[in-house]
Amino acid sequence: MSDDLMKVLISQVRLVVDERRRKAKELPNDPLHQQAAEKLERFCKEIEELEPMIKEEIGDFDAPFREADQIVRRGILDNVDKRLGTIGFYDDDPDDKPLETGRDLVKWYRRLLWDELGEP
């Protein structure tokens, strides 16, 4: 597993984009999958454009993530997958602010890392 959490996040977002695009082809009368894919693709571009700043914000979690046990790492990845799956469908989660930008996603991700791994 890569220990560069920014690459891990982008990879997870791209996997969900691919899944949403596949679903959009299967369900052409339901625009939500295509809209979600477009929103997530925009997130990827925004994250890549802000890469140096984002690496600075979450890079301190690379080592703690790498050193965490498999259950903790899997839990973090599962939480990210679950949250990404809500984008474009259930953006009104009362426990979280809606994710409107790649920057919002990174803030949410950093909070998740802090909650699961503690202070880097």
Protein backbone atom coordinates (compact mmCIF):
# COMPACT_ATOMS: atom_id res chain seq x y z
CA MET A 1 0.00 0.00 0.00
CA SER A 2 1.24 3.43 -0.87
CA ASP A 3 2.13 5.57 2.10
CA ASP A 4 1.43 8.81 0.24
CA LEU A 5 -2.06 9.57 1.47
CA MET A 6 -2.73 12.14 -1.21
CA LYS A 7 -2.19 9.49 -3.89
CA VAL A 8 -4.37 7.09 -1.92
CA LEU A 9 -7.17 9.67 -1.76
CA ILE A 10 -6.97 10.50 -5.47
CA SER A 11 -6.93 6.80 -6.32
CA GLN A 12 -10.04 6.21 -4.22
CA VAL A 13 -11.83 9.15 -5.84
CA ARG A 14 -10.95 7.91 -9.33
CA LEU A 15 -12.30 4.44 -8.52
CA VAL A 16 -15.62 5.95 -7.48
CA VAL A 17 -15.64 8.13 -10.62
CA ASP A 18 -15.20 4.99 -12.73
CA GLU A 19 -18.00 3.24 -10.84
CA ARG A 20 -20.35 6.20 -11.25
CA ARG A 21 -19.60 6.43 -14.99
CA ARG A 22 -20.30 2.70 -15.35
CA LYS A 23 -23.58 3.10 -13.47
CA ALA A 24 -24.49 6.12 -15.63
CA LYS A 25 -24.18 3.91 -18.72
CA GLU A 26 -26.30 1.19 -17.10
CA LEU A 27 -28.96 3.69 -16.00
CA PRO A 28 -29.03 6.41 -18.67
CA ASN A 29 -32.37 7.79 -17.43
CA ASP A 30 -30.92 8.52 -13.98
CA PRO A 31 -28.65 11.60 -14.20
CA LEU A 32 -27.37 11.33 -10.61
CA HIS A 33 -24.55 8.92 -11.42
CA GLN A 34 -23.21 11.10 -14.24
CA GLN A 35 -23.52 14.23 -12.11
CA ALA A 36 -21.72 12.53 -9.22
CA ALA A 37 -18.94 11.36 -11.56
CA GLU A 38 -18.48 14.89 -12.89
CA LYS A 39 -18.39 16.36 -9.39
CA LEU A 40 -15.83 13.80 -8.21
CA GLU A 41 -13.70 14.33 -11.32
CA ARG A 42 -13.70 18.04 -10.53
CA PHE A 43 -12.58 17.18 -6.99
CA CYS A 44 -9.63 15.20 -8.40
CA LYS A 45 -8.54 18.12 -10.57
CA GLU A 46 -8.81 20.58 -7.68
CA ILE A 47 -6.81 18.29 -5.40
CA GLU A 48 -4.09 17.81 -8.01
CA GLU A 49 -3.89 21.58 -8.59
CA LEU A 50 -3.44 22.15 -4.86
CA GLU A 51 -1.03 19.23 -4.44
CA PRO A 52 1.84 21.04 -2.65
CA MET A 53 -0.47 22.63 -0.10
CA ILE A 54 -2.43 19.44 0.42
CA LYS A 55 0.70 17.33 0.88
CA GLU A 56 1.73 19.81 3.54
CA GLU A 57 -1.63 19.41 5.31
CA ILE A 58 -1.93 15.62 5.22
CA GLY A 59 1.65 14.53 4.63
CA ASP A 60 2.27 14.38 8.38
CA PHE A 61 -0.19 11.50 8.52
CA ASP A 62 1.76 9.34 6.03
CA ALA A 63 3.98 7.72 8.68
CA PRO A 64 1.21 7.21 11.29
CA PHE A 65 -0.99 5.67 8.59
CA ARG A 66 1.81 3.36 7.49
CA GLU A 67 2.51 2.38 11.10
CA ALA A 68 -1.14 1.81 12.04
CA ASP A 69 -2.40 -1.74 12.16
CA GLN A 70 -4.31 -3.20 9.23
CA ILE A 71 -7.69 -2.82 10.91
CA VAL A 72 -7.22 0.94 11.42
CA ARG A 73 -5.96 1.46 7.85
CA ARG A 74 -8.84 -0.57 6.42
CA GLY A 75 -11.30 1.41 8.54
CA ILE A 76 -9.96 4.71 7.19
CA LEU A 77 -10.15 3.50 3.60
CA ASP A 78 -13.67 2.15 4.16
CA ASN A 79 -14.78 5.46 5.66
CA VAL A 80 -13.43 7.32 2.63
CA ASP A 81 -15.19 4.93 0.23
CA LYS A 82 -18.44 5.33 2.15
CA ARG A 83 -18.24 9.13 2.12
CA LEU A 84 -17.30 9.27 -1.57
CA GLY A 85 -20.28 7.05 -2.34
CA THR A 86 -22.63 9.64 -0.86
CA ILE A 87 -21.42 12.50 -3.04
CA GLY A 88 -24.13 13.46 -5.48
CA PHE A 89 -26.71 11.36 -3.64
CA TYR A 90 -26.76 12.03 0.09
CA ASP A 91 -24.87 15.29 0.38
CA ASP A 92 -27.15 16.39 3.18
CA ASP A 93 -25.55 14.16 5.84
CA PRO A 94 -26.36 15.94 9.14
CA ASP A 95 -23.04 14.81 10.65
CA ASP A 96 -20.94 16.36 7.89
CA LYS A 97 -21.03 19.50 5.83
CA PRO A 98 -21.74 18.84 2.17
CA LEU A 99 -18.57 18.38 0.16
CA GLU A 100 -18.75 20.93 -2.64
CA THR A 101 -15.07 21.15 -3.61
CA GLY A 102 -11.92 19.09 -3.62
CA ARG A 103 -10.73 21.35 -0.81
CA ASP A 104 -13.79 20.37 1.26
CA LEU A 105 -12.96 16.71 0.66
CA VAL A 106 -9.37 17.22 1.83
CA LYS A 107 -10.56 19.00 5.00
CA TRP A 108 -12.93 16.12 5.72
CA TYR A 109 -10.12 13.61 5.00
CA ARG A 110 -7.71 15.40 7.33
CA ARG A 111 -10.31 15.37 10.11
CA LEU A 112 -10.87 11.64 9.55
CA LEU A 113 -7.12 11.00 9.72
CA TRP A 114 -6.86 13.06 12.91
CA ASP A 115 -9.80 11.20 14.47
CA GLU A 116 -8.45 7.77 13.57
CA LEU A 117 -4.68 8.29 13.95
CA GLY A 118 -4.43 11.14 16.45
CA GLU A 119 -2.12 14.10 16.20
CA PRO A 120 0.69 13.38 13.72
